[in-house]
Amino acid sequence: MHIREFQRQINRMYSDKDRQRGSAKTFLWLAEEVGELASAIAEGDRENLPMEFADVFAWLVTLANVENVDLEDAVLKKYVSAGCPGCGQVVCTCTEKLT
């Protein structure tokens, strides 16, 4: 499945509720899911880790839908077609975000 296909599926499933909720509240849901992912990582919860990653991705896609952003297109433009946004290399040689 491509990112765009998943984004369309999430849109079909939740579009009406998501647009009523709006960007700000949808972002809060995304932040909550990122917190749950952080907790799973910190606790070494390998059993729930995949589901927490999936939740974060689904809420990111939801927010992109509310904002009418095609995530697949954005990812392709920013990371695939040009390499690293910082150095332009396929294998990043940047040093400023090592910690």
PDB file of N, CA and C in Angstrom:
ATOM      1  N   MET A   1       0.850  -1.177   0.000  1.00  0.00           N
ATOM      2  CA  MET A   1       0.000   0.000   0.000  1.00  0.00           C
ATOM      3  C   MET A   1       0.894   1.239   0.000  1.00  0.00           C
ATOM      4  N   HIS A   2       0.565   2.191  -0.813  1.00  0.00           N
ATOM      5  CA  HIS A   2       1.278   3.463  -0.859  1.00  0.00           C
ATOM      6  C   HIS A   2       0.704   4.419   0.191  1.00  0.00           C
ATOM      7  N   ILE A   3       1.485   5.418   0.550  1.00  0.00           N
ATOM      8  CA  ILE A   3       1.034   6.417   1.525  1.00  0.00           C
ATOM      9  C   ILE A   3      -0.283   7.038   1.067  1.00  0.00           C
ATOM     10  N   ARG A   4      -0.370   7.381  -0.207  1.00  0.00           N
ATOM     11  CA  ARG A   4      -1.574   8.019  -0.736  1.00  0.00           C
ATOM     12  C   ARG A   4      -2.812   7.128  -0.567  1.00  0.00           C
ATOM     13  N   GLU A   5      -2.631   5.828  -0.780  1.00  0.00           N
ATOM     14  CA  GLU A   5      -3.754   4.896  -0.618  1.00  0.00           C
ATOM     15  C   GLU A   5      -4.205   4.845   0.837  1.00  0.00           C
ATOM     16  N   PHE A   6      -3.256   4.807   1.751  1.00  0.00           N
ATOM     17  CA  PHE A   6      -3.607   4.812   3.176  1.00  0.00           C
ATOM     18  C   PHE A   6      -4.293   6.118   3.549  1.00  0.00           C
ATOM     19  N   GLN A   7      -3.784   7.228   3.035  1.00  0.00           N
ATOM     20  CA  GLN A   7      -4.385   8.531   3.320  1.00  0.00           C
ATOM     21  C   GLN A   7      -5.823   8.572   2.816  1.00  0.00           C
ATOM     22  N   ARG A   8      -6.071   8.023   1.666  1.00  0.00           N
ATOM     23  CA  ARG A   8      -7.448   7.974   1.135  1.00  0.00           C
ATOM     24  C   ARG A   8      -8.339   7.086   1.993  1.00  0.00           C
ATOM     25  N   GLN A   9      -7.792   5.957   2.454  1.00  0.00           N
ATOM     26  CA  GLN A   9      -8.581   5.063   3.307  1.00  0.00           C
ATOM     27  C   GLN A   9      -8.972   5.759   4.605  1.00  0.00           C
ATOM     28  N   ILE A  10      -8.008   6.412   5.244  1.00  0.00           N
ATOM     29  CA  ILE A  10      -8.301   7.151   6.478  1.00  0.00           C
ATOM     30  C   ILE A  10      -9.321   8.248   6.193  1.00  0.00           C
ATOM     31  N   ASN A  11      -9.191   8.913   5.060  1.00  0.00           N
ATOM     32  CA  ASN A  11     -10.139   9.958   4.690  1.00  0.00           C
ATOM     33  C   ASN A  11     -11.553   9.399   4.550  1.00  0.00           C
ATOM     34  N   ARG A  12     -11.667   8.241   3.888  1.00  0.00           N
ATOM     35  CA  ARG A  12     -12.994   7.610   3.738  1.00  0.00           C
ATOM     36  C   ARG A  12     -13.577   7.231   5.093  1.00  0.00           C
ATOM     37  N   MET A  13     -12.742   6.718   5.973  1.00  0.00           N
ATOM     38  CA  MET A  13     -13.211   6.233   7.269  1.00  0.00           C
ATOM     39  C   MET A  13     -13.628   7.364   8.211  1.00  0.00           C
ATOM     40  N   TYR A  14     -12.869   8.470   8.208  1.00  0.00           N
ATOM     41  CA  TYR A  14     -13.024   9.453   9.278  1.00  0.00           C
ATOM     42  C   TYR A  14     -13.218  10.900   8.831  1.00  0.00           C
ATOM     43  N   SER A  15     -13.287  11.156   7.557  1.00  0.00           N
ATOM     44  CA  SER A  15     -13.251  12.528   7.039  1.00  0.00           C
ATOM     45  C   SER A  15     -14.248  13.471   7.699  1.00  0.00           C
ATOM     46  N   ASP A  16     -15.491  13.060   7.812  1.00  0.00           N
ATOM     47  CA  ASP A  16     -16.501  13.969   8.363  1.00  0.00           C
ATOM     48  C   ASP A  16     -16.158  14.386   9.790  1.00  0.00           C
ATOM     49  N   LYS A  17     -15.826  13.417  10.631  1.00  0.00           N
ATOM     50  CA  LYS A  17     -15.477  13.729  12.022  1.00  0.00           C
ATOM     51  C   LYS A  17     -14.197  14.553  12.098  1.00  0.00           C
ATOM     52  N   ASP A  18     -13.220  14.191  11.281  1.00  0.00           N
ATOM     53  CA  ASP A  18     -11.933  14.889  11.331  1.00  0.00           C
ATOM     54  C   ASP A  18     -12.076  16.360  10.971  1.00  0.00           C
ATOM     55  N   ARG A  19     -12.820  16.653   9.946  1.00  0.00           N
ATOM     56  CA  ARG A  19     -12.977  18.041   9.513  1.00  0.00           C
ATOM     57  C   ARG A  19     -13.803  18.844  10.527  1.00  0.00           C
ATOM     58  N   GLN A  20     -14.765  18.199  11.162  1.00  0.00           N
ATOM     59  CA  GLN A  20     -15.528  18.877  12.214  1.00  0.00           C
ATOM     60  C   GLN A  20     -14.636  19.197  13.409  1.00  0.00           C
ATOM     61  N   ARG A  21     -13.726  18.275  13.737  1.00  0.00           N
ATOM     62  CA  ARG A  21     -12.822  18.467  14.865  1.00  0.00           C
ATOM     63  C   ARG A  21     -11.847  19.600  14.564  1.00  0.00           C
ATOM     64  N   GLY A  22     -11.375  19.687  13.334  1.00  0.00           N
ATOM     65  CA  GLY A  22     -10.458  20.747  12.928  1.00  0.00           C
ATOM     66  C   GLY A  22      -9.002  20.423  13.206  1.00  0.00           C
ATOM     67  N   SER A  23      -8.138  21.267  12.686  1.00  0.00           N
ATOM     68  CA  SER A  23      -6.694  21.036  12.762  1.00  0.00           C
ATOM     69  C   SER A  23      -6.145  21.076  14.184  1.00  0.00           C
ATOM     70  N   ALA A  24      -6.538  22.072  14.956  1.00  0.00           N
ATOM     71  CA  ALA A  24      -5.961  22.227  16.295  1.00  0.00           C
ATOM     72  C   ALA A  24      -6.252  21.016  17.175  1.00  0.00           C
ATOM     73  N   LYS A  25      -7.488  20.565  17.203  1.00  0.00           N
ATOM     74  CA  LYS A  25      -7.840  19.414  18.044  1.00  0.00           C
ATOM     75  C   LYS A  25      -7.256  18.120  17.476  1.00  0.00           C
ATOM     76  N   THR A  26      -7.175  18.022  16.159  1.00  0.00           N
ATOM     77  CA  THR A  26      -6.565  16.842  15.550  1.00  0.00           C
ATOM     78  C   THR A  26      -5.089  16.789  15.899  1.00  0.00           C
ATOM     79  N   PHE A  27      -4.432  17.946  15.911  1.00  0.00           N
ATOM     80  CA  PHE A  27      -3.021  17.995  16.302  1.00  0.00           C
ATOM     81  C   PHE A  27      -2.851  17.528  17.748  1.00  0.00           C
ATOM     82  N   LEU A  28      -3.771  17.890  18.619  1.00  0.00           N
ATOM     83  CA  LEU A  28      -3.690  17.436  20.009  1.00  0.00           C
ATOM     84  C   LEU A  28      -3.782  15.916  20.109  1.00  0.00           C
ATOM     85  N   TRP A  29      -4.642  15.300  19.285  1.00  0.00           N
ATOM     86  CA  TRP A  29      -4.730  13.843  19.252  1.00  0.00           C
ATOM     87  C   TRP A  29      -3.408  13.247  18.775  1.00  0.00           C
ATOM     88  N   LEU A  30      -2.815  13.857  17.733  1.00  0.00           N
ATOM     89  CA  LEU A  30      -1.517  13.396  17.246  1.00  0.00           C
ATOM     90  C   LEU A  30      -0.474  13.488  18.357  1.00  0.00           C
ATOM     91  N   ALA A  31      -0.445  14.604  19.065  1.00  0.00           N
ATOM     92  CA  ALA A  31       0.521  14.788  20.152  1.00  0.00           C
ATOM     93  C   ALA A  31       0.322  13.734  21.248  1.00  0.00           C
ATOM     94  N   GLU A  32      -0.918  13.421  21.556  1.00  0.00           N
ATOM     95  CA  GLU A  32      -1.193  12.391  22.564  1.00  0.00           C
ATOM     96  C   GLU A  32      -0.633  11.039  22.119  1.00  0.00           C
ATOM     97  N   GLU A  33      -0.836  10.723  20.841  1.00  0.00           N
ATOM     98  CA  GLU A  33      -0.324   9.452  20.320  1.00  0.00           C
ATOM     99  C   GLU A  33       1.203   9.432  20.307  1.00  0.00           C
ATOM    100  N   VAL A  34       1.841  10.557  20.003  1.00  0.00           N
ATOM    101  CA  VAL A  34       3.302  10.639  20.064  1.00  0.00           C
ATOM    102  C   VAL A  34       3.759  10.394  21.500  1.00  0.00           C
ATOM    103  N   GLY A  35       3.027  10.922  22.461  1.00  0.00           N
ATOM    104  CA  GLY A  35       3.343  10.669  23.872  1.00  0.00           C
ATOM    105  C   GLY A  35       3.234   9.199  24.224  1.00  0.00           C
ATOM    106  N   GLU A  36       2.213   8.535  23.720  1.00  0.00           N
ATOM    107  CA  GLU A  36       2.058   7.100  23.975  1.00  0.00           C
ATOM    108  C   GLU A  36       3.195   6.312  23.331  1.00  0.00           C
ATOM    109  N   LEU A  37       3.620   6.729  22.134  1.00  0.00           N
ATOM    110  CA  LEU A  37       4.758   6.086  21.480  1.00  0.00           C
ATOM    111  C   LEU A  37       6.031   6.293  22.300  1.00  0.00           C
ATOM    112  N   ALA A  38       6.215   7.518  22.784  1.00  0.00           N
ATOM    113  CA  ALA A  38       7.387   7.813  23.611  1.00  0.00           C
ATOM    114  C   ALA A  38       7.399   6.942  24.863  1.00  0.00           C
ATOM    115  N   SER A  39       6.254   6.760  25.478  1.00  0.00           N
ATOM    116  CA  SER A  39       6.169   5.908  26.673  1.00  0.00           C
ATOM    117  C   SER A  39       6.505   4.461  26.346  1.00  0.00           C
ATOM    118  N   ALA A  40       6.003   3.974  25.227  1.00  0.00           N
ATOM    119  CA  ALA A  40       6.291   2.587  24.834  1.00  0.00           C
ATOM    120  C   ALA A  40       7.784   2.396  24.583  1.00  0.00           C
ATOM    121  N   ILE A  41       8.412   3.386  23.956  1.00  0.00           N
ATOM    122  CA  ILE A  41       9.858   3.307  23.718  1.00  0.00           C
ATOM    123  C   ILE A  41      10.608   3.350  25.044  1.00  0.00           C
ATOM    124  N   ALA A  42      10.250   4.294  25.903  1.00  0.00           N
ATOM    125  CA  ALA A  42      10.937   4.455  27.187  1.00  0.00           C
ATOM    126  C   ALA A  42      10.800   3.218  28.074  1.00  0.00           C
ATOM    127  N   GLU A  43       9.636   2.582  28.006  1.00  0.00           N
ATOM    128  CA  GLU A  43       9.373   1.412  28.845  1.00  0.00           C
ATOM    129  C   GLU A  43       9.845   0.112  28.204  1.00  0.00           C
ATOM    130  N   GLY A  44      10.334   0.194  26.969  1.00  0.00           N
ATOM    131  CA  GLY A  44      10.763  -1.017  26.275  1.00  0.00           C
ATOM    132  C   GLY A  44       9.608  -1.941  25.964  1.00  0.00           C
ATOM    133  N   ASP A  45       8.430  -1.374  25.745  1.00  0.00           N
ATOM    134  CA  ASP A  45       7.207  -2.147  25.489  1.00  0.00           C
ATOM    135  C   ASP A  45       7.167  -2.600  24.029  1.00  0.00           C
ATOM    136  N   ARG A  46       7.931  -3.645  23.706  1.00  0.00           N
ATOM    137  CA  ARG A  46       8.041  -4.130  22.332  1.00  0.00           C
ATOM    138  C   ARG A  46       6.717  -4.670  21.801  1.00  0.00           C
ATOM    139  N   GLU A  47       5.840  -5.125  22.682  1.00  0.00           N
ATOM    140  CA  GLU A  47       4.560  -5.682  22.238  1.00  0.00           C
ATOM    141  C   GLU A  47       3.651  -4.600  21.658  1.00  0.00           C
ATOM    142  N   ASN A  48       3.574  -3.438  22.315  1.00  0.00           N
ATOM    143  CA  ASN A  48       2.687  -2.367  21.865  1.00  0.00           C
ATOM    144  C   ASN A  48       3.341  -1.377  20.913  1.00  0.00           C
ATOM    145  N   LEU A  49       4.652  -1.441  20.772  1.00  0.00           N
ATOM    146  CA  LEU A  49       5.382  -0.476  19.959  1.00  0.00           C
ATOM    147  C   LEU A  49       4.860  -0.375  18.517  1.00  0.00           C
ATOM    148  N   PRO A  50       4.644  -1.488  17.818  1.00  0.00           N
ATOM    149  CA  PRO A  50       4.130  -1.362  16.440  1.00  0.00           C
ATOM    150  C   PRO A  50       2.771  -0.651  16.364  1.00  0.00           C
ATOM    151  N   MET A  51       1.897  -0.924  17.324  1.00  0.00           N
ATOM    152  CA  MET A  51       0.580  -0.297  17.315  1.00  0.00           C
ATOM    153  C   MET A  51       0.679   1.198  17.600  1.00  0.00           C
ATOM    154  N   GLU A  52       1.610   1.583  18.454  1.00  0.00           N
ATOM    155  CA  GLU A  52       1.796   3.005  18.744  1.00  0.00           C
ATOM    156  C   GLU A  52       2.361   3.740  17.528  1.00  0.00           C
ATOM    157  N   PHE A  53       3.291   3.111  16.814  1.00  0.00           N
ATOM    158  CA  PHE A  53       3.768   3.700  15.569  1.00  0.00           C
ATOM    159  C   PHE A  53       2.617   3.859  14.581  1.00  0.00           C
ATOM    160  N   ALA A  54       1.774   2.844  14.470  1.00  0.00           N
ATOM    161  CA  ALA A  54       0.629   2.897  13.555  1.00  0.00           C
ATOM    162  C   ALA A  54      -0.329   4.026  13.936  1.00  0.00           C
ATOM    163  N   ASP A  55      -0.567   4.193  15.234  1.00  0.00           N
ATOM    164  CA  ASP A  55      -1.457   5.267  15.690  1.00  0.00           C
ATOM    165  C   ASP A  55      -0.897   6.643  15.330  1.00  0.00           C
ATOM    166  N   VAL A  56       0.407   6.829  15.554  1.00  0.00           N
ATOM    167  CA  VAL A  56       1.029   8.117  15.225  1.00  0.00           C
ATOM    168  C   VAL A  56       0.902   8.381  13.730  1.00  0.00           C
ATOM    169  N   PHE A  57       1.190   7.380  12.927  1.00  0.00           N
ATOM    170  CA  PHE A  57       1.099   7.543  11.474  1.00  0.00           C
ATOM    171  C   PHE A  57      -0.329   7.868  11.047  1.00  0.00           C
ATOM    172  N   ALA A  58      -1.313   7.162  11.619  1.00  0.00           N
ATOM    173  CA  ALA A  58      -2.715   7.395  11.257  1.00  0.00           C
ATOM    174  C   ALA A  58      -3.150   8.811  11.627  1.00  0.00           C
ATOM    175  N   TRP A  59      -2.734   9.303  12.793  1.00  0.00           N
ATOM    176  CA  TRP A  59      -3.118  10.663  13.183  1.00  0.00           C
ATOM    177  C   TRP A  59      -2.373  11.710  12.377  1.00  0.00           C
ATOM    178  N   LEU A  60      -1.138  11.428  11.961  1.00  0.00           N
ATOM    179  CA  LEU A  60      -0.423  12.343  11.073  1.00  0.00           C
ATOM    180  C   LEU A  60      -1.142  12.431   9.731  1.00  0.00           C
ATOM    181  N   VAL A  61      -1.563  11.288   9.218  1.00  0.00           N
ATOM    182  CA  VAL A  61      -2.319  11.248   7.966  1.00  0.00           C
ATOM    183  C   VAL A  61      -3.642  11.987   8.127  1.00  0.00           C
ATOM    184  N   THR A  62      -4.287  11.810   9.253  1.00  0.00           N
ATOM    185  CA  THR A  62      -5.547  12.501   9.521  1.00  0.00           C
ATOM    186  C   THR A  62      -5.348  14.012   9.489  1.00  0.00           C
ATOM    187  N   LEU A  63      -4.312  14.481  10.157  1.00  0.00           N
ATOM    188  CA  LEU A  63      -4.026  15.918  10.160  1.00  0.00           C
ATOM    189  C   LEU A  63      -3.722  16.416   8.749  1.00  0.00           C
ATOM    190  N   ALA A  64      -2.981  15.642   7.992  1.00  0.00           N
ATOM    191  CA  ALA A  64      -2.702  16.020   6.598  1.00  0.00           C
ATOM    192  C   ALA A  64      -4.003  16.094   5.794  1.00  0.00           C
ATOM    193  N   ASN A  65      -4.917  15.175   6.024  1.00  0.00           N
ATOM    194  CA  ASN A  65      -6.207  15.218   5.330  1.00  0.00           C
ATOM    195  C   ASN A  65      -6.979  16.483   5.682  1.00  0.00           C
ATOM    196  N   VAL A  66      -7.023  16.812   6.951  1.00  0.00           N
ATOM    197  CA  VAL A  66      -7.742  18.016   7.385  1.00  0.00           C
ATOM    198  C   VAL A  66      -7.139  19.257   6.728  1.00  0.00           C
ATOM    199  N   GLU A  67      -5.820  19.254   6.554  1.00  0.00           N
ATOM    200  CA  GLU A  67      -5.113  20.390   5.959  1.00  0.00           C
ATOM    201  C   GLU A  67      -4.971  20.280   4.437  1.00  0.00           C
ATOM    202  N   ASN A  68      -5.559  19.227   3.860  1.00  0.00           N
ATOM    203  CA  ASN A  68      -5.498  18.996   2.404  1.00  0.00           C
ATOM    204  C   ASN A  68      -4.066  18.906   1.878  1.00  0.00           C
ATOM    205  N   VAL A  69      -3.232  18.153   2.600  1.00  0.00           N
ATOM    206  CA  VAL A  69      -1.848  17.922   2.193  1.00  0.00           C
ATOM    207  C   VAL A  69      -1.712  16.473   1.736  1.00  0.00           C
ATOM    208  N   ASP A  70      -1.176  16.280   0.545  1.00  0.00           N
ATOM    209  CA  ASP A  70      -0.888  14.950   0.021  1.00  0.00           C
ATOM    210  C   ASP A  70       0.468  14.532   0.579  1.00  0.00           C
ATOM    211  N   LEU A  71       0.468  13.661   1.579  1.00  0.00           N
ATOM    212  CA  LEU A  71       1.709  13.279   2.252  1.00  0.00           C
ATOM    213  C   LEU A  71       2.671  12.545   1.324  1.00  0.00           C
ATOM    214  N   GLU A  72       2.159  11.693   0.474  1.00  0.00           N
ATOM    215  CA  GLU A  72       3.043  10.969  -0.433  1.00  0.00           C
ATOM    216  C   GLU A  72       3.795  11.945  -1.329  1.00  0.00           C
ATOM    217  N   ASP A  73       3.084  12.904  -1.875  1.00  0.00           N
ATOM    218  CA  ASP A  73       3.712  13.919  -2.718  1.00  0.00           C
ATOM    219  C   ASP A  73       4.745  14.716  -1.919  1.00  0.00           C
ATOM    220  N   ALA A  74       4.390  15.099  -0.703  1.00  0.00           N
ATOM    221  CA  ALA A  74       5.306  15.879   0.129  1.00  0.00           C
ATOM    222  C   ALA A  74       6.580  15.095   0.443  1.00  0.00           C
ATOM    223  N   VAL A  75       6.438  13.825   0.793  1.00  0.00           N
ATOM    224  CA  VAL A  75       7.597  12.993   1.114  1.00  0.00           C
ATOM    225  C   VAL A  75       8.480  12.805  -0.118  1.00  0.00           C
ATOM    226  N   LEU A  76       7.840  12.542  -1.243  1.00  0.00           N
ATOM    227  CA  LEU A  76       8.621  12.366  -2.471  1.00  0.00           C
ATOM    228  C   LEU A  76       9.409  13.617  -2.812  1.00  0.00           C
ATOM    229  N   LYS A  77       8.767  14.777  -2.707  1.00  0.00           N
ATOM    230  CA  LYS A  77       9.445  16.031  -3.033  1.00  0.00           C
ATOM    231  C   LYS A  77      10.566  16.349  -2.061  1.00  0.00           C
ATOM    232  N   LYS A  78      10.313  16.156  -0.766  1.00  0.00           N
ATOM    233  CA  LYS A  78      11.287  16.606   0.231  1.00  0.00           C
ATOM    234  C   LYS A  78      12.417  15.606   0.472  1.00  0.00           C
ATOM    235  N   TYR A  79      12.133  14.308   0.436  1.00  0.00           N
ATOM    236  CA  TYR A  79      13.138  13.330   0.838  1.00  0.00           C
ATOM    237  C   TYR A  79      13.588  12.365  -0.255  1.00  0.00           C
ATOM    238  N   VAL A  80      12.738  12.073  -1.215  1.00  0.00           N
ATOM    239  CA  VAL A  80      13.093  11.054  -2.196  1.00  0.00           C
ATOM    240  C   VAL A  80      13.787  11.643  -3.416  1.00  0.00           C
ATOM    241  N   SER A  81      13.206  12.663  -3.993  1.00  0.00           N
ATOM    242  CA  SER A  81      13.755  13.187  -5.240  1.00  0.00           C
ATOM    243  C   SER A  81      15.034  13.990  -5.049  1.00  0.00           C
ATOM    244  N   ALA A  82      15.248  14.562  -3.879  1.00  0.00           N
ATOM    245  CA  ALA A  82      16.404  15.439  -3.677  1.00  0.00           C
ATOM    246  C   ALA A  82      17.386  14.930  -2.624  1.00  0.00           C
ATOM    247  N   GLY A  83      17.158  13.774  -2.036  1.00  0.00           N
ATOM    248  CA  GLY A  83      18.038  13.293  -0.966  1.00  0.00           C
ATOM    249  C   GLY A  83      17.773  14.035   0.324  1.00  0.00           C
ATOM    250  N   CYS A  84      18.753  14.050   1.189  1.00  0.00           N
ATOM    251  CA  CYS A  84      18.634  14.720   2.477  1.00  0.00           C
ATOM    252  C   CYS A  84      18.370  16.208   2.256  1.00  0.00           C
ATOM    253  N   PRO A  85      17.359  16.778   2.932  1.00  0.00           N
ATOM    254  CA  PRO A  85      17.088  18.214   2.782  1.00  0.00           C
ATOM    255  C   PRO A  85      18.246  19.103   3.227  1.00  0.00           C
ATOM    256  N   GLY A  86      19.108  18.601   4.103  1.00  0.00           N
ATOM    257  CA  GLY A  86      20.218  19.399   4.595  1.00  0.00           C
ATOM    258  C   GLY A  86      21.429  19.395   3.671  1.00  0.00           C
ATOM    259  N   CYS A  87      21.864  18.188   3.275  1.00  0.00           N
ATOM    260  CA  CYS A  87      23.099  18.072   2.489  1.00  0.00           C
ATOM    261  C   CYS A  87      22.859  17.657   1.046  1.00  0.00           C
ATOM    262  N   GLY A  88      21.654  17.200   0.730  1.00  0.00           N
ATOM    263  CA  GLY A  88      21.342  16.793  -0.634  1.00  0.00           C
ATOM    264  C   GLY A  88      21.850  15.413  -1.015  1.00  0.00           C
ATOM    265  N   GLN A  89      22.435  14.693  -0.071  1.00  0.00           N
ATOM    266  CA  GLN A  89      22.987  13.365  -0.361  1.00  0.00           C
ATOM    267  C   GLN A  89      21.939  12.279  -0.091  1.00  0.00           C
ATOM    268  N   VAL A  90      22.065  11.162  -0.803  1.00  0.00           N
ATOM    269  CA  VAL A  90      21.177  10.029  -0.554  1.00  0.00           C
ATOM    270  C   VAL A  90      21.483   9.422   0.812  1.00  0.00           C
ATOM    271  N   VAL A  91      22.749   9.344   1.161  1.00  0.00           N
ATOM    272  CA  VAL A  91      23.154   8.945   2.508  1.00  0.00           C
ATOM    273  C   VAL A  91      23.614  10.231   3.200  1.00  0.00           C
ATOM    274  N   CYS A  92      22.853  10.664   4.191  1.00  0.00           N
ATOM    275  CA  CYS A  92      23.075  11.957   4.848  1.00  0.00           C
ATOM    276  C   CYS A  92      24.491  12.074   5.428  1.00  0.00           C
ATOM    277  N   THR A  93      25.084  13.231   5.176  1.00  0.00           N
ATOM    278  CA  THR A  93      26.393  13.539   5.744  1.00  0.00           C
ATOM    279  C   THR A  93      26.324  14.714   6.724  1.00  0.00           C
ATOM    280  N   CYS A  94      25.120  15.157   7.066  1.00  0.00           N
ATOM    281  CA  CYS A  94      24.943  16.255   8.021  1.00  0.00           C
ATOM    282  C   CYS A  94      25.465  15.840   9.400  1.00  0.00           C
ATOM    283  N   THR A  95      25.976  16.798  10.141  1.00  0.00           N
ATOM    284  CA  THR A  95      26.463  16.489  11.483  1.00  0.00           C
ATOM    285  C   THR A  95      25.713  17.234  12.584  1.00  0.00           C
ATOM    286  N   GLU A  96      24.883  18.192  12.242  1.00  0.00           N
ATOM    287  CA  GLU A  96      24.276  19.038  13.270  1.00  0.00           C
ATOM    288  C   GLU A  96      23.159  18.379  14.079  1.00  0.00           C
ATOM    289  N   LYS A  97      22.582  17.265  13.642  1.00  0.00           N
ATOM    290  CA  LYS A  97      21.487  16.636  14.399  1.00  0.00           C
ATOM    291  C   LYS A  97      21.886  15.252  14.909  1.00  0.00           C
ATOM    292  N   LEU A  98      23.093  15.119  15.352  1.00  0.00           N
ATOM    293  CA  LEU A  98      23.559  13.822  15.843  1.00  0.00           C
ATOM    294  C   LEU A  98      23.102  13.523  17.269  1.00  0.00           C
ATOM    295  N   THR A  99      22.747  14.554  18.025  1.00  0.00           N
ATOM    296  CA  THR A  99      22.297  14.310  19.399  1.00  0.00           C
ATOM    297  C   THR A  99      20.911  14.822  19.603  1.00  0.00           C
TER     298      THR A  99
END
